[in-house]
Amino acid sequence: MHRQRGLRAVLETPRHHLRHLDRSRRPPRRRRHIEATRRAGPLLVYGISSGALKAALFAERNPGRVARLALDAFVWTGKGSPTLEQRRKKLPEYLAGGKRRPIDRAFVHSIFTRDHPGTAKDDVVDAFADAILALDDSVPIGTYVDMCLNLPVVDPERITCPTIVMRGEYDGIAAIDDLIEFFRRLPNPDKQFAVMPGIAHASSSRRTTASCSTSSRPSLPSLPRSTPALGPEPREGRNITMTHPPLMPGRRATLAGLSAAALAAALPGSGAAQGAFPTRNFRVVIPTGQGGGAERLARSFDDAWSRLLGRQFEYEFFPGAAG
């Protein structure tokens, strides 16, 4: 198992999988598949949380394969992170309990409340919990262990593509001083640092859509002005963007709007996004049966993504397909 490398190590080796990913030199097969089937050139890469670590490492290992990189809720060294400090105290418990740890509905809800209560919509959290708990009652401990013991796994000085670093105002894992030092070391002058008000660690499930949208707008010069305005233009200074959209107390943000904004963060404009995909509709594979939380969560993406990309979505249900 420990000889597995690259993406397979991420999927199959629950303990220390970031370390295995770091050692991999083999070009990922999924990247080749995307390039072949989509007839695409350099990829537009977006990653969030531990996915941002993998996205950054992919860009570092494949400098000619990434056109633009968006790192959301990224953690570099973990220094100054109160959440990681608390997790380090539980390392003996994690390591003694095997390769997985149990989860329940209370744990899923804590993901959205640990940094700052009220940053996510209750119905979105409930749908998220339904979808997760329908699949499993435990998760691998690898990410927790790796982020406590094995950071950093990324060298910012070796990431040469244009990059945007996005951090939520209340993020308890991604410490801002740590991220600013990472940002300072990025060699490409085409870079931006965005702070998103009203958002905690994971912007893709939070209440305020405007933050993610306006954070990404300065890096998307070709985004049409017909895109619905979600807040005032951000204030800029020396490549660091502080966004200050309204918190919209009278209009609850939808997951669909934020999903489109998160996708836009990785794209240089909706025209390029449409050009990068075939003309046929998108196919969404849902790893559960019809009518469950996973379907509701997936369909909440539909309208905003269809408007952004100019394509319709088709849904297929394959229980046990693991996404």
Protein backbone atom coordinates (compact mmCIF):
# COMPACT_ATOMS: atom_id res chain seq x y z
CA MET A 1 0.00 0.00 0.00
CA HIS A 2 2.74 2.47 0.87
CA ARG A 3 4.28 1.91 -2.56
CA GLN A 4 1.23 3.33 -4.24
CA ARG A 5 2.01 6.65 -5.86
CA GLY A 6 0.27 9.76 -7.07
CA LEU A 7 -3.51 9.95 -7.25
CA ARG A 8 -3.97 6.32 -6.31
CA ALA A 9 -2.15 6.95 -3.05
CA VAL A 10 -4.57 9.78 -2.31
CA LEU A 11 -7.57 7.53 -2.87
CA GLU A 12 -6.33 4.28 -1.34
CA THR A 13 -3.77 5.17 1.33
CA PRO A 14 -5.67 6.91 4.12
CA ARG A 15 -2.65 7.62 6.31
CA HIS A 16 0.04 10.09 5.21
CA HIS A 17 -1.38 10.40 1.68
CA LEU A 18 0.02 13.90 1.14
CA ARG A 19 3.50 12.49 1.68
CA HIS A 20 2.86 9.86 -1.00
CA LEU A 21 1.51 12.51 -3.34
CA ASP A 22 4.62 14.58 -2.72
CA ARG A 23 6.88 11.68 -3.72
CA SER A 24 5.02 10.90 -6.93
CA ARG A 25 6.78 11.76 -10.18
CA ARG A 26 4.43 9.91 -12.49
CA PRO A 27 2.22 12.14 -14.73
CA PRO A 28 -1.37 11.73 -13.47
CA ARG A 29 -3.49 9.59 -15.75
CA ARG A 30 -6.55 11.74 -15.14
CA ARG A 31 -4.77 14.81 -16.47
CA ARG A 32 -3.92 12.94 -19.67
CA HIS A 33 -7.51 11.71 -19.92
CA ILE A 34 -8.91 15.25 -19.58
CA GLU A 35 -6.52 16.62 -22.17
CA ALA A 36 -7.33 13.83 -24.62
CA THR A 37 -11.11 13.76 -24.26
CA ARG A 38 -11.67 17.51 -23.92
CA ARG A 39 -9.08 18.51 -26.50
CA ALA A 40 -7.82 21.00 -23.93
CA GLY A 41 -4.45 22.68 -23.58
CA PRO A 42 -3.01 23.72 -20.20
CA LEU A 43 -5.49 23.08 -17.42
CA LEU A 44 -7.35 25.63 -15.29
CA VAL A 45 -6.95 24.20 -11.78
CA TYR A 46 -9.01 24.99 -8.67
CA GLY A 47 -8.53 23.31 -5.29
CA ILE A 48 -10.10 23.85 -1.87
CA SER A 49 -8.71 22.90 1.57
CA SER A 50 -6.67 19.69 1.27
CA GLY A 51 -7.64 19.74 -2.41
CA ALA A 52 -5.78 23.05 -2.70
CA LEU A 53 -2.63 21.30 -1.46
CA LYS A 54 -3.00 18.71 -4.21
CA ALA A 55 -3.74 21.40 -6.81
CA ALA A 56 -0.64 23.39 -5.78
CA LEU A 57 1.54 20.29 -5.83
CA PHE A 58 0.20 19.37 -9.27
CA ALA A 59 1.10 22.86 -10.54
CA GLU A 60 4.56 22.56 -9.00
CA ARG A 61 5.21 19.15 -10.58
CA ASN A 62 3.70 20.06 -13.97
CA PRO A 63 4.60 23.70 -14.66
CA GLY A 64 3.72 23.52 -18.35
CA ARG A 65 0.37 21.87 -17.76
CA VAL A 66 -1.38 24.53 -15.66
CA ALA A 67 -2.57 27.80 -17.20
CA ARG A 68 -3.99 29.32 -14.00
CA LEU A 69 -4.25 28.13 -10.41
CA ALA A 70 -6.83 29.00 -7.73
CA LEU A 71 -6.06 27.97 -4.13
CA ASP A 72 -9.07 28.30 -1.81
CA ALA A 73 -8.72 27.63 1.96
CA PHE A 74 -5.11 26.65 1.30
CA VAL A 75 -2.71 25.74 4.13
CA TRP A 76 1.06 26.04 3.60
CA THR A 77 3.05 25.25 6.76
CA GLY A 78 0.13 25.26 9.20
CA LYS A 79 1.91 27.78 11.41
CA GLY A 80 -0.47 29.95 13.43
CA SER A 81 -3.50 27.73 12.82
CA PRO A 82 -5.63 27.32 15.98
CA THR A 83 -7.58 24.41 14.48
CA LEU A 84 -4.45 22.45 13.58
CA GLU A 85 -3.04 23.15 17.03
CA GLN A 86 -6.10 21.50 18.59
CA ARG A 87 -5.84 18.56 16.20
CA ARG A 88 -2.20 17.98 17.13
CA LYS A 89 -3.31 17.37 20.70
CA LYS A 90 -5.46 14.49 19.42
CA LEU A 91 -2.77 12.90 17.25
CA PRO A 92 -2.20 9.95 19.64
CA GLU A 93 -5.94 9.26 19.50
CA TYR A 94 -6.01 9.42 15.70
CA LEU A 95 -2.96 7.19 15.30
CA ALA A 96 -4.16 4.63 17.83
CA GLY A 97 -7.58 4.27 16.24
CA GLY A 98 -6.46 2.73 12.97
CA LYS A 99 -6.78 4.25 9.52
CA ARG A 100 -10.32 5.62 9.90
CA ARG A 101 -12.30 7.63 12.43
CA PRO A 102 -16.07 7.60 12.97
CA ILE A 103 -18.28 10.49 11.89
CA ASP A 104 -21.88 11.42 12.64
CA ARG A 105 -24.29 14.28 11.94
CA ALA A 106 -22.91 16.35 14.80
CA PHE A 107 -19.42 16.10 13.32
CA VAL A 108 -20.62 17.20 9.88
CA HIS A 109 -22.39 20.20 11.40
CA SER A 110 -19.24 21.11 13.34
CA ILE A 111 -17.39 21.56 10.04
CA PHE A 112 -19.59 24.59 9.39
CA THR A 113 -19.65 26.05 12.90
CA ARG A 114 -16.15 25.51 14.35
CA ASP A 115 -14.67 28.71 12.88
CA HIS A 116 -17.68 31.04 13.08
CA PRO A 117 -21.37 30.09 13.46
CA GLY A 118 -23.82 31.38 10.87
CA THR A 119 -21.54 31.31 7.83
CA ALA A 120 -23.47 28.47 6.13
CA LYS A 121 -27.15 27.92 5.42
CA ASP A 122 -28.78 25.27 7.59
CA ASP A 123 -30.53 23.57 4.67
CA VAL A 124 -27.24 23.29 2.76
CA VAL A 125 -25.54 21.78 5.82
CA ASP A 126 -28.39 19.29 6.23
CA ALA A 127 -28.19 18.25 2.57
CA PHE A 128 -24.43 17.94 2.87
CA ALA A 129 -24.77 15.73 5.96
CA ASP A 130 -27.43 13.57 4.28
CA ALA A 131 -25.19 12.98 1.27
CA ILE A 132 -22.11 12.11 3.33
CA LEU A 133 -23.79 9.86 5.90
CA ALA A 134 -25.64 7.96 3.18
CA LEU A 135 -22.26 6.79 1.90
CA ASP A 136 -20.29 6.03 5.07
CA ASP A 137 -20.05 6.35 8.84
CA SER A 138 -16.28 6.87 8.97
CA VAL A 139 -13.54 8.67 7.05
CA PRO A 140 -9.78 8.18 6.63
CA ILE A 141 -7.55 9.98 9.12
CA GLY A 142 -4.83 10.66 6.54
CA THR A 143 -5.56 14.33 5.89
CA TYR A 144 -5.74 15.15 9.61
CA VAL A 145 -2.44 13.39 10.32
CA ASP A 146 -0.65 14.83 7.31
CA MET A 147 -1.69 18.41 8.01
CA CYS A 148 -0.46 18.07 11.59
CA LEU A 149 2.86 16.33 10.85
CA ASN A 150 3.94 16.62 7.22
CA LEU A 151 3.43 20.24 6.13
CA PRO A 152 4.73 21.90 4.07
CA VAL A 153 4.51 19.70 0.98
CA VAL A 154 4.55 22.59 -1.53
CA ASP A 155 7.38 24.96 -2.50
CA PRO A 156 5.81 28.27 -3.65
CA GLU A 157 8.97 29.29 -5.48
CA ARG A 158 8.44 26.38 -7.89
CA ILE A 159 4.85 27.34 -8.79
CA THR A 160 5.33 29.43 -11.92
CA CYS A 161 1.77 29.82 -13.23
CA PRO A 162 -0.58 32.76 -12.44
CA THR A 163 -2.15 32.11 -9.04
CA ILE A 164 -4.92 33.46 -6.85
CA VAL A 165 -4.90 32.63 -3.11
CA MET A 166 -8.37 32.88 -1.53
CA ARG A 167 -9.00 32.89 2.23
CA GLY A 168 -12.22 33.23 4.20
CA GLU A 169 -12.38 35.94 6.85
CA TYR A 170 -13.05 33.44 9.65
CA ASP A 171 -10.85 30.58 8.43
CA GLY A 172 -9.43 28.84 11.51
CA ILE A 173 -7.10 26.56 9.55
CA ALA A 174 -5.53 28.78 6.89
CA ALA A 175 -3.64 31.37 8.98
CA ILE A 176 -3.33 34.64 7.11
CA ASP A 177 0.33 35.36 7.99
CA ASP A 178 1.31 31.91 6.74
CA LEU A 179 -0.56 32.48 3.48
CA ILE A 180 0.90 35.95 2.92
CA GLU A 181 4.41 34.52 3.23
CA PHE A 182 3.47 31.82 0.70
CA PHE A 183 2.02 34.49 -1.58
CA ARG A 184 5.16 36.63 -1.26
CA ARG A 185 7.31 33.76 -2.52
CA LEU A 186 5.27 33.04 -5.65
CA PRO A 187 7.55 34.08 -8.54
CA ASN A 188 4.92 34.98 -11.14
CA PRO A 189 3.88 38.67 -10.85
CA ASP A 190 0.41 37.71 -12.12
CA LYS A 191 -0.88 36.76 -8.67
CA GLN A 192 -3.63 37.87 -6.30
CA PHE A 193 -4.49 37.41 -2.64
CA ALA A 194 -8.18 37.69 -1.74
CA VAL A 195 -9.85 37.81 1.67
CA MET A 196 -13.54 36.86 1.52
CA PRO A 197 -15.68 38.48 4.27
CA GLY A 198 -18.35 36.39 5.93
CA ILE A 199 -16.74 33.08 4.94
CA ALA A 200 -15.01 30.47 7.10
CA HIS A 201 -12.82 27.59 5.88
CA ALA A 202 -14.78 26.28 2.88
CA SER A 203 -16.20 28.91 0.53
CA SER A 204 -18.05 26.37 -1.63
CA SER A 205 -20.67 25.83 1.07
CA ARG A 206 -20.96 29.24 2.71
CA ARG A 207 -23.75 31.79 2.88
CA THR A 208 -22.12 34.75 1.11
CA THR A 209 -21.76 34.22 -2.63
CA ALA A 210 -20.57 37.75 -3.34
CA SER A 211 -17.22 37.29 -1.63
CA CYS A 212 -16.03 34.46 -3.83
CA SER A 213 -17.36 36.12 -6.98
CA THR A 214 -15.78 39.52 -6.41
CA SER A 215 -12.55 37.92 -5.21
CA SER A 216 -12.15 36.12 -8.49
CA ARG A 217 -13.28 39.02 -10.71
CA PRO A 218 -9.94 40.90 -10.84
CA SER A 219 -8.23 37.77 -12.15
CA LEU A 220 -10.92 37.27 -14.80
CA PRO A 221 -10.58 40.24 -17.18
CA SER A 222 -12.62 38.54 -19.89
CA LEU A 223 -15.62 37.77 -17.67
CA PRO A 224 -18.59 39.48 -19.39
CA ARG A 225 -20.09 42.45 -17.61
CA SER A 226 -23.51 40.88 -18.12
CA THR A 227 -22.68 38.52 -15.27
CA PRO A 228 -25.12 39.34 -12.43
CA ALA A 229 -23.52 41.74 -9.97
CA LEU A 230 -23.13 40.23 -6.53
CA GLY A 231 -21.55 43.18 -4.76
CA PRO A 232 -19.37 46.25 -5.26
CA GLU A 233 -16.04 46.07 -7.04
CA PRO A 234 -13.14 45.04 -4.78
CA ARG A 235 -10.53 47.47 -3.58
CA GLU A 236 -7.05 46.64 -4.83
CA GLY A 237 -3.51 47.39 -3.77
CA ARG A 238 -0.21 45.82 -4.78
CA ASN A 239 -1.76 42.56 -5.94
CA ILE A 240 -3.62 42.03 -2.65
CA THR A 241 -7.41 42.27 -3.04
CA MET A 242 -9.64 42.92 -0.04
CA THR A 243 -13.25 42.29 -1.05
CA HIS A 244 -16.03 44.07 0.79
CA PRO A 245 -19.38 42.92 -0.63
CA PRO A 246 -22.53 43.32 1.45
CA LEU A 247 -23.43 40.41 3.72
CA MET A 248 -26.97 40.45 2.28
CA PRO A 249 -28.97 40.07 5.53
CA GLY A 250 -32.24 40.16 3.59
CA ARG A 251 -31.28 37.79 0.77
CA ARG A 252 -29.98 34.36 1.63
CA ALA A 253 -27.26 33.29 -0.77
CA THR A 254 -27.72 29.99 -2.59
CA LEU A 255 -25.21 27.21 -3.00
CA ALA A 256 -25.81 27.37 -6.74
CA GLY A 257 -24.55 30.94 -6.99
CA LEU A 258 -21.48 30.20 -4.95
CA SER A 259 -20.74 27.08 -6.96
CA ALA A 260 -20.60 29.16 -10.14
CA ALA A 261 -18.36 31.71 -8.43
CA ALA A 262 -16.00 28.99 -7.20
CA LEU A 263 -15.74 27.56 -10.70
CA ALA A 264 -15.14 31.04 -12.10
CA ALA A 265 -12.20 31.46 -9.72
CA ALA A 266 -10.30 28.88 -11.77
CA LEU A 267 -11.32 30.20 -15.19
CA PRO A 268 -10.01 33.18 -17.20
CA GLY A 269 -13.58 33.96 -18.38
CA SER A 270 -16.82 32.28 -19.32
CA GLY A 271 -15.98 32.39 -23.03
CA ALA A 272 -12.84 30.36 -22.41
CA ALA A 273 -14.80 28.04 -20.16
CA GLN A 274 -17.29 27.28 -22.92
CA GLY A 275 -14.52 26.83 -25.45
CA ALA A 276 -12.78 24.29 -23.23
CA PHE A 277 -15.73 21.88 -23.20
CA PRO A 278 -17.51 19.95 -25.98
CA THR A 279 -20.87 21.21 -27.19
CA ARG A 280 -22.73 18.29 -25.62
CA ASN A 281 -24.39 18.63 -22.24
CA PHE A 282 -22.53 18.00 -19.00
CA ARG A 283 -23.06 14.63 -17.34
CA VAL A 284 -23.27 14.58 -13.54
CA VAL A 285 -22.76 11.18 -11.91
CA ILE A 286 -24.36 10.89 -8.45
CA PRO A 287 -23.07 7.99 -6.31
CA THR A 288 -26.43 7.35 -4.58
CA GLY A 289 -30.00 6.62 -5.58
CA GLN A 290 -32.50 9.25 -6.67
CA GLY A 291 -34.17 11.56 -4.18
CA GLY A 292 -31.43 11.72 -1.55
CA GLY A 293 -29.31 14.52 -0.18
CA ALA A 294 -26.63 13.97 -2.83
CA GLU A 295 -29.14 14.64 -5.62
CA ARG A 296 -30.46 17.80 -3.92
CA LEU A 297 -26.93 19.05 -3.41
CA ALA A 298 -25.96 18.35 -7.02
CA ARG A 299 -29.08 19.94 -8.51
CA SER A 300 -28.48 23.11 -6.50
CA PHE A 301 -25.54 23.72 -8.84
CA ASP A 302 -27.67 23.51 -11.96
CA ASP A 303 -29.02 26.96 -12.80
CA ALA A 304 -25.91 28.99 -12.01
CA TRP A 305 -23.50 26.65 -13.78
CA SER A 306 -25.79 26.40 -16.82
CA ARG A 307 -25.92 30.20 -17.09
CA LEU A 308 -22.17 30.53 -16.63
CA LEU A 309 -21.13 27.82 -19.09
CA GLY A 310 -24.01 27.88 -21.57
CA ARG A 311 -24.60 24.12 -21.24
CA GLN A 312 -27.33 21.99 -19.71
CA PHE A 313 -26.77 19.26 -17.13
CA GLU A 314 -27.81 15.60 -17.28
CA TYR A 315 -27.90 13.43 -14.15
CA GLU A 316 -27.13 9.73 -13.82
CA PHE A 317 -27.41 7.72 -10.62
CA PHE A 318 -24.89 4.99 -9.83
CA PRO A 319 -25.07 3.95 -6.16
CA GLY A 320 -21.62 3.09 -4.88
CA ALA A 321 -19.75 4.93 -7.64
CA ALA A 322 -17.93 7.09 -5.04
CA GLY A 323 -18.41 10.29 -7.02
